[in-house]
Protein backbone atom coordinates (compact mmCIF):
# COMPACT_ATOMS: atom_id res chain seq x y z
CA UNK A 1 -100.98 126.14 20.20
CA UNK A 2 -104.00 126.75 18.05
CA UNK A 3 -106.26 126.28 20.81
CA UNK A 4 -104.84 129.02 22.98
CA UNK A 5 -104.61 131.18 20.18
CA UNK A 6 -108.49 130.60 19.18
CA UNK A 7 -109.64 130.95 22.83
CA UNK A 8 -107.55 134.44 22.99
CA UNK A 9 -109.10 135.55 19.75
CA UNK A 10 -112.58 134.70 20.70
CA UNK A 11 -112.13 136.34 24.03
CA UNK A 12 -111.08 139.64 22.53
CA UNK A 13 -113.61 139.54 19.89
CA UNK A 14 -116.36 139.39 22.55
CA UNK A 15 -115.36 142.80 23.76
CA UNK A 16 -116.60 145.87 21.69
CA UNK A 17 -112.99 147.52 21.99
CA UNK A 18 -114.01 150.92 20.39
CA UNK A 19 -110.67 153.01 19.87
CA UNK A 20 -110.19 155.17 23.19
CA UNK A 21 -113.37 154.04 24.77
CA UNK A 22 -114.84 151.85 27.38
CA UNK A 23 -114.23 148.72 25.28
CA UNK A 24 -110.77 149.31 24.80
CA UNK A 25 -110.22 149.93 28.59
CA UNK A 26 -112.13 146.68 29.30
CA UNK A 27 -109.79 145.00 26.85
CA UNK A 28 -106.82 146.55 28.68
CA UNK A 29 -107.87 145.08 31.72
CA UNK A 30 -108.45 141.71 30.51
CA UNK A 31 -104.95 141.53 28.89
CA UNK A 32 -103.52 143.00 32.07
CA UNK A 33 -104.72 139.71 33.69
CA UNK A 34 -103.91 137.48 30.94
CA UNK A 35 -100.16 138.20 30.74
CA UNK A 36 -99.52 137.12 34.14
CA UNK A 37 -101.11 133.78 33.44
CA UNK A 38 -98.34 133.48 30.86
CA UNK A 39 -95.88 134.29 33.15
CA UNK A 40 -95.18 138.02 32.73
CA UNK A 41 -95.04 139.35 36.06
CA UNK A 42 -94.01 143.08 35.19
CA UNK A 43 -97.44 144.50 33.88
CA UNK A 44 -98.94 147.87 33.73
CA UNK A 45 -102.23 149.58 32.31
CA UNK A 46 -100.83 153.07 31.05
CA UNK A 47 -103.85 155.38 30.11
CA UNK A 48 -103.49 158.14 27.50
CA UNK A 49 -105.70 160.41 25.70
CA UNK A 50 -106.62 159.93 22.04
CA UNK A 51 -109.25 160.39 19.28
CA UNK A 52 -112.11 157.66 19.33
CA UNK A 53 -112.15 157.72 15.47
CA UNK A 54 -109.95 158.97 12.47
CA UNK A 55 -113.15 160.17 10.76
CA UNK A 56 -113.52 163.69 12.19
CA UNK A 57 -109.88 164.77 11.48
CA UNK A 58 -110.29 163.33 7.89
CA UNK A 59 -113.43 164.78 7.39
CA UNK A 60 -111.86 168.45 8.15
CA UNK A 61 -109.45 167.71 5.21
CA UNK A 62 -112.36 166.35 3.02
CA UNK A 63 -114.28 169.82 3.66
CA UNK A 64 -111.21 171.77 3.16
CA UNK A 65 -110.70 170.18 -0.33
CA UNK A 66 -114.37 170.70 -1.04
CA UNK A 67 -113.88 174.34 -0.35
CA UNK A 68 -110.81 174.71 -2.63
CA UNK A 69 -112.79 172.88 -5.48
CA UNK A 70 -115.53 174.99 -5.07
CA UNK A 71 -113.77 178.43 -4.96
CA UNK A 72 -110.87 177.39 -7.38
CA UNK A 73 -108.17 177.77 -4.63
CA UNK A 74 -105.13 175.92 -5.73
CA UNK A 75 -103.37 176.93 -2.56
CA UNK A 76 -106.04 175.86 -0.27
CA UNK A 77 -106.11 172.52 -2.12
CA UNK A 78 -102.29 171.96 -1.71
CA UNK A 79 -102.24 172.97 1.86
CA UNK A 80 -104.90 170.38 2.77
CA UNK A 81 -103.11 167.81 0.81
CA UNK A 82 -99.54 168.64 2.76
CA UNK A 83 -101.65 168.44 5.99
CA UNK A 84 -103.59 165.52 5.35
CA UNK A 85 -100.20 163.64 4.46
CA UNK A 86 -99.21 164.68 7.91
CA UNK A 87 -102.36 163.33 9.70
CA UNK A 88 -102.62 160.02 8.13
CA UNK A 89 -99.21 159.16 8.44
CA UNK A 90 -99.09 160.16 12.12
CA UNK A 91 -95.95 162.20 11.63
CA UNK A 92 -97.98 165.61 12.78
CA UNK A 93 -101.58 164.92 13.60
CA UNK A 94 -102.31 168.34 14.59
CA UNK A 95 -106.04 168.54 13.42
CA UNK A 96 -107.13 165.56 15.66
CA UNK A 97 -105.44 167.11 18.73
CA UNK A 98 -107.77 169.97 18.39
CA UNK A 99 -110.88 167.77 18.62
CA UNK A 100 -112.44 165.93 21.80
CA UNK A 101 -110.63 162.93 22.72
CA UNK A 102 -111.34 159.83 24.43
CA UNK A 103 -109.52 157.69 27.13
CA UNK A 104 -107.71 154.83 26.17
CA UNK A 105 -105.41 152.22 27.84
CA UNK A 106 -102.12 150.69 26.60
CA UNK A 107 -100.95 147.55 28.25
CA UNK A 108 -97.15 147.13 28.63
CA UNK A 109 -95.54 144.02 30.14
CA UNK A 110 -91.63 143.43 30.40
CA UNK A 111 -89.92 139.98 30.08
CA UNK A 112 -86.23 140.13 31.38
CA UNK A 113 -83.28 139.06 29.40
CA UNK A 114 -81.29 136.03 30.09
CA UNK A 115 -78.12 137.69 31.28
CA UNK A 116 -76.83 140.95 31.02
CA UNK A 117 -79.32 143.27 29.05
CA UNK A 118 -77.82 144.20 25.68
CA UNK A 119 -80.80 144.95 23.46
CA UNK A 120 -84.49 145.64 23.81
CA UNK A 121 -87.22 143.97 21.57
CA UNK A 122 -90.59 145.74 21.60
CA UNK A 123 -93.35 143.34 20.55
CA UNK A 124 -96.32 145.56 19.36
CA UNK A 125 -100.06 144.65 18.56
CA UNK A 126 -103.05 146.86 18.84
CA UNK A 127 -105.97 145.86 20.64
CA UNK A 128 -108.69 148.26 19.68
CA UNK A 129 -110.76 147.47 16.68
CA UNK A 130 -112.19 149.71 13.76
CA UNK A 131 -115.44 151.14 13.18
CA UNK A 132 -117.42 149.79 10.06
CA UNK A 133 -119.07 151.83 7.32
CA UNK A 134 -120.04 151.93 3.82
CA UNK A 135 -116.49 152.75 2.49
CA UNK A 136 -115.36 149.37 3.94
CA UNK A 137 -117.67 147.41 1.79
CA UNK A 138 -115.95 144.32 0.38
CA UNK A 139 -116.69 145.43 -3.24
CA UNK A 140 -114.95 148.79 -2.66
CA UNK A 141 -112.02 147.21 -0.79
CA UNK A 142 -111.54 144.44 -3.31
CA UNK A 143 -111.83 146.68 -6.17
CA UNK A 144 -108.43 146.25 -8.38
CA UNK A 145 -107.59 143.02 -6.43
CA UNK A 146 -106.05 141.30 -9.31
CA UNK A 147 -103.57 144.43 -10.18
CA UNK A 148 -102.86 145.07 -6.61
CA UNK A 149 -101.85 141.18 -6.02
CA UNK A 150 -99.75 141.57 -8.99
CA UNK A 151 -97.85 144.59 -7.85
CA UNK A 152 -98.08 143.40 -3.78
CA UNK A 153 -100.03 146.43 -2.59
CA UNK A 154 -102.73 145.82 -0.05
CA UNK A 155 -106.11 147.78 -0.02
CA UNK A 156 -105.55 151.40 0.02
CA UNK A 157 -107.47 153.30 3.02
CA UNK A 158 -107.70 157.00 2.12
CA UNK A 159 -105.68 157.69 -0.95
CA UNK A 160 -108.79 159.12 -2.99
CA UNK A 161 -108.57 162.35 -0.78
CA UNK A 162 -104.96 163.08 -2.12
CA UNK A 163 -106.05 162.30 -5.49
CA UNK A 164 -109.10 164.62 -5.23
CA UNK A 165 -106.57 167.36 -3.74
CA UNK A 166 -104.15 167.16 -6.53
CA UNK A 167 -107.16 167.03 -9.30
CA UNK A 168 -108.24 170.28 -7.64
CA UNK A 169 -104.94 171.98 -7.52
CA UNK A 170 -104.63 171.92 -11.57
CA UNK A 171 -106.69 174.64 -11.26
CA UNK A 172 -108.72 173.30 -14.48
CA UNK A 173 -112.56 173.26 -14.56
CA UNK A 174 -112.59 169.71 -14.98
CA UNK A 175 -110.30 169.14 -12.22
CA UNK A 176 -112.20 170.99 -9.75
CA UNK A 177 -115.29 169.12 -10.66
CA UNK A 178 -113.67 165.82 -10.11
CA UNK A 179 -111.93 167.06 -6.87
CA UNK A 180 -115.22 168.44 -5.66
CA UNK A 181 -117.23 165.38 -6.37
CA UNK A 182 -114.57 162.95 -4.60
CA UNK A 183 -114.41 165.16 -1.59
CA UNK A 184 -117.98 165.32 -1.19
CA UNK A 185 -118.31 161.71 -1.37
CA UNK A 186 -115.60 161.21 0.91
CA UNK A 187 -117.18 163.52 3.45
CA UNK A 188 -120.36 161.35 3.25
CA UNK A 189 -118.69 158.24 3.81
CA UNK A 190 -116.65 159.74 6.86
CA UNK A 191 -119.71 161.16 8.34
CA UNK A 192 -120.77 157.20 7.99
CA UNK A 193 -117.76 155.97 9.62
CA UNK A 194 -118.05 158.26 12.54
CA UNK A 195 -121.70 157.07 13.38
CA UNK A 196 -121.17 153.24 12.64
CA UNK A 197 -120.43 150.77 15.41
CA UNK A 198 -117.34 148.73 16.29
CA UNK A 199 -116.63 145.61 14.49
CA UNK A 200 -115.54 142.43 16.23
CA UNK A 201 -111.80 142.78 14.84
CA UNK A 202 -111.22 139.14 15.19
CA UNK A 203 -108.50 139.36 12.60
CA UNK A 204 -107.82 142.89 12.90
CA UNK A 205 -106.17 142.85 15.54
CA UNK A 206 -107.43 140.22 17.87
CA UNK A 207 -105.15 137.79 15.85
CA UNK A 208 -102.13 139.72 16.39
CA UNK A 209 -102.59 140.31 20.19
CA UNK A 210 -103.26 136.69 20.55
CA UNK A 211 -99.77 136.26 18.67
CA UNK A 212 -98.10 138.65 20.72
CA UNK A 213 -99.52 136.74 24.07
CA UNK A 214 -98.16 133.42 22.41
CA UNK A 215 -94.83 134.88 21.84
CA UNK A 216 -94.61 136.23 25.28
CA UNK A 217 -95.55 132.73 26.55
CA UNK A 218 -92.41 131.50 24.80
CA UNK A 219 -90.24 134.14 25.69
CA UNK A 220 -91.00 133.68 29.27
CA UNK A 221 -90.33 129.97 29.03
CA UNK A 222 -87.05 130.36 27.25
CA UNK A 223 -85.93 134.13 27.54
CA UNK A 224 -83.73 135.94 24.81
CA UNK A 225 -79.98 135.97 25.32
CA UNK A 226 -79.19 139.50 26.25
CA UNK A 227 -82.38 140.82 25.04
CA UNK A 228 -85.25 142.52 27.45
CA UNK A 229 -88.68 142.16 25.61
CA UNK A 230 -91.35 145.03 26.03
CA UNK A 231 -94.87 143.71 25.00
CA UNK A 232 -96.63 146.81 24.03
CA UNK A 233 -100.25 146.10 23.37
CA UNK A 234 -101.48 149.38 22.17
CA UNK A 235 -104.66 151.02 21.72
CA UNK A 236 -106.30 153.62 19.44
CA UNK A 237 -104.39 152.34 16.11
CA UNK A 238 -107.69 152.21 14.31
CA UNK A 239 -107.92 155.88 15.14
CA UNK A 240 -104.91 157.36 13.87
CA UNK A 241 -102.05 155.30 16.12
CA UNK A 242 -102.50 157.41 19.32
CA UNK A 243 -101.53 154.58 21.46
CA UNK A 244 -98.37 153.74 20.02
CA UNK A 245 -97.49 157.47 19.95
CA UNK A 246 -98.34 157.55 23.70
CA UNK A 247 -96.01 154.37 24.25
CA UNK A 248 -93.13 156.16 22.44
CA UNK A 249 -93.47 159.44 24.48
CA UNK A 250 -93.66 157.37 27.79
CA UNK A 251 -90.84 154.93 26.77
CA UNK A 252 -87.75 156.57 24.77
CA UNK A 253 -86.00 154.06 23.02
CA UNK A 254 -82.37 154.10 21.73
CA UNK A 255 -82.18 153.38 18.18
CA UNK A 256 -78.75 151.94 18.83
CA UNK A 257 -80.11 148.97 20.76
CA UNK A 258 -84.00 148.80 20.32
CA UNK A 259 -85.92 146.74 17.74
CA UNK A 260 -89.68 147.23 17.20
CA UNK A 261 -91.65 144.21 15.78
CA UNK A 262 -95.27 144.58 14.70
CA UNK A 263 -97.95 141.87 14.65
CA UNK A 264 -101.16 143.05 12.48
CA UNK A 265 -104.07 141.01 11.10
CA UNK A 266 -101.97 138.05 10.98
CA UNK A 267 -104.88 135.50 10.35
CA UNK A 268 -105.71 136.26 6.79
CA UNK A 269 -103.95 133.31 5.14
CA UNK A 270 -100.09 134.17 4.19
CA UNK A 271 -97.61 136.06 5.99
CA UNK A 272 -96.12 139.12 4.78
CA UNK A 273 -93.74 141.85 5.81
CA UNK A 274 -94.33 145.48 4.97
CA UNK A 275 -91.59 147.07 2.97
CA UNK A 276 -93.72 150.64 3.04
CA UNK A 277 -96.92 152.15 4.11
CA UNK A 278 -98.76 154.69 2.38
CA UNK A 279 -102.19 156.35 1.99
CA UNK A 280 -100.14 159.28 0.15
CA UNK A 281 -96.51 159.38 0.08
CA UNK A 282 -94.87 156.04 0.59
CA UNK A 283 -93.06 155.61 3.84
CA UNK A 284 -90.50 152.89 3.80
CA UNK A 285 -89.07 150.48 6.21
CA UNK A 286 -85.28 150.32 6.14
CA UNK A 287 -83.97 147.52 3.66
CA UNK A 288 -81.78 146.22 6.41
CA UNK A 289 -84.62 145.54 8.63
CA UNK A 290 -86.76 143.82 6.01
CA UNK A 291 -83.71 141.77 5.03
CA UNK A 292 -83.13 140.88 8.51
CA UNK A 293 -86.63 139.33 8.92
CA UNK A 294 -85.88 137.24 5.83
CA UNK A 295 -82.68 135.77 6.90
CA UNK A 296 -84.17 135.19 10.38
CA UNK A 297 -86.91 133.03 8.75
CA UNK A 298 -84.31 131.06 6.35
CA UNK A 299 -81.85 130.48 9.56
CA UNK A 300 -84.85 129.11 11.57
CA UNK A 301 -86.14 126.98 8.43
CA UNK A 302 -89.05 128.83 7.69
CA UNK A 303 -90.47 130.25 4.50
CA UNK A 304 -89.62 134.11 4.17
CA UNK A 305 -92.56 136.32 4.41
CA UNK A 306 -93.58 137.95 1.04
CA UNK A 307 -92.80 141.71 0.60
CA UNK A 308 -95.97 143.96 0.24
CA UNK A 309 -96.38 147.65 0.83
CA UNK A 310 -99.63 148.36 2.70
CA UNK A 311 -102.09 150.89 1.69
CA UNK A 312 -103.06 151.84 5.27
CA UNK A 313 -100.98 152.44 8.35
CA UNK A 314 -99.60 150.14 11.35
CA UNK A 315 -97.99 151.22 14.61
CA UNK A 316 -94.45 150.50 13.69
CA UNK A 317 -94.22 152.99 11.19
CA UNK A 318 -94.33 155.83 13.93
CA UNK A 319 -91.10 154.18 15.35
CA UNK A 320 -89.51 154.40 12.00
CA UNK A 321 -90.15 158.38 12.25
CA UNK A 322 -88.14 158.42 15.41
CA UNK A 323 -85.10 156.37 13.96
CA UNK A 324 -85.81 153.18 15.26
CA UNK A 325 -85.52 149.81 13.66
CA UNK A 326 -88.80 148.38 12.99
CA UNK A 327 -90.56 145.88 10.79
CA UNK A 328 -94.48 145.04 10.68
CA UNK A 329 -95.44 141.42 10.30
CA UNK A 330 -99.27 141.10 8.60
CA UNK A 331 -100.76 138.49 6.27
CA UNK A 332 -103.02 138.74 3.18
CA UNK A 333 -105.71 136.39 1.47
CA UNK A 334 -106.00 135.15 -1.99
CA UNK A 335 -106.91 138.60 -3.10
CA UNK A 336 -104.38 140.40 -1.48
CA UNK A 337 -106.67 141.79 1.06
CA UNK A 338 -106.83 141.18 4.94
CA UNK A 339 -110.05 139.28 5.04
CA UNK A 340 -113.44 140.82 6.17
CA UNK A 341 -111.77 143.89 6.53
CA UNK A 342 -113.31 146.55 8.92
CA UNK A 343 -116.77 144.77 8.40
CA UNK A 344 -118.94 143.09 11.09
CA UNK A 345 -118.10 139.57 9.59
CA UNK A 346 -114.52 139.95 10.98
CA UNK A 347 -115.36 137.34 13.73
CA UNK A 348 -113.27 134.56 14.84
CA UNK A 349 -114.65 131.74 13.09
CA UNK A 350 -112.98 133.30 9.93
CA UNK A 351 -109.64 133.67 11.26
CA UNK A 352 -107.11 131.53 9.77
CA UNK A 353 -105.28 130.26 12.88
CA UNK A 354 -102.75 128.31 11.04
CA UNK A 355 -101.70 131.66 9.43
CA UNK A 356 -101.50 133.35 12.91
CA UNK A 357 -99.35 130.25 14.13
CA UNK A 358 -96.91 130.87 11.00
CA UNK A 359 -96.67 134.60 11.99
CA UNK A 360 -95.91 133.76 15.62
CA UNK A 361 -93.23 131.25 14.38
CA UNK A 362 -91.71 134.07 12.21
CA UNK A 363 -91.98 136.43 15.01
CA UNK A 364 -89.99 134.13 17.14
CA UNK A 365 -87.33 133.68 14.61
CA UNK A 366 -86.83 137.33 14.49
CA UNK A 367 -86.81 137.83 18.27
CA UNK A 368 -84.05 134.93 18.81
CA UNK A 369 -82.13 136.08 15.86
CA UNK A 370 -81.48 139.33 17.69
């Protein structure tokens, strides 16, 4: 199995999979050809419009915070904070909708149920890759790794803007200075990201896509009893989960019979299940769904994944906002990070294929437990 996984990771990493760009569309075409090779006959490429980077929408909020700090406008700081939370969580990304968009592509395949369909399993993995930048330098990303590891919180993505807005909103001179300095630094780092190249993304998230392909192969060979499988390989996750939003809009799901299972960055070392995601406010997955994953693992004779809270976002969180049962499976390295996260060194030789295989086994256990 590791040979197939490694080959798929390498093939995807060789494509510059820029979010909602030409590389993402090339990746979609490759995946649309790969799925039928695995026995998935019902496959479609679904275009959508989405942002090519999160940086511009985040930059708007950083500049709003900088203006609030310079003028002492507490109301503006709080408004920017509220808007930023809606933006980064994907609940209401109104700013990015006003900005120029690129053309991305989701790949959707269907595996029929064995017998009458009673449930739908949606297997999600994003196939785009992130832009790099100084903000993703390992020394910054790994700062405070020991403390985060004890608390089982993976690296934060953009919480500094929220803290800066709160400091500004205090109205004190010190708070305004701190808030202004952090917003100015964030603006500079975001500009750098907007102008930086796309990384190979072998772990994030060619590993998850390779895992989804392997699981699809298994589910074709032995279909789920009463459960149809929808394989959703989404784009633009790295620019704000636009591909997942487009998929959910195009494929309304019933919370009563659907279950969303995400695979993201699963080649770091140790499988984990996200109990919540947050850059600002925490958004928790349902305890019943997390416990279901743990129970499925034990029933299959596997070690349950560790519970962690992610400091960024993954596609399944959008499903929870629509009332859908969902879980997100990831992995962490010894420092509690994702392994060469958003840097050019995220290449195939650094992916822990054993970790990918363990996550695939875990995902299969969850699928069959449905």
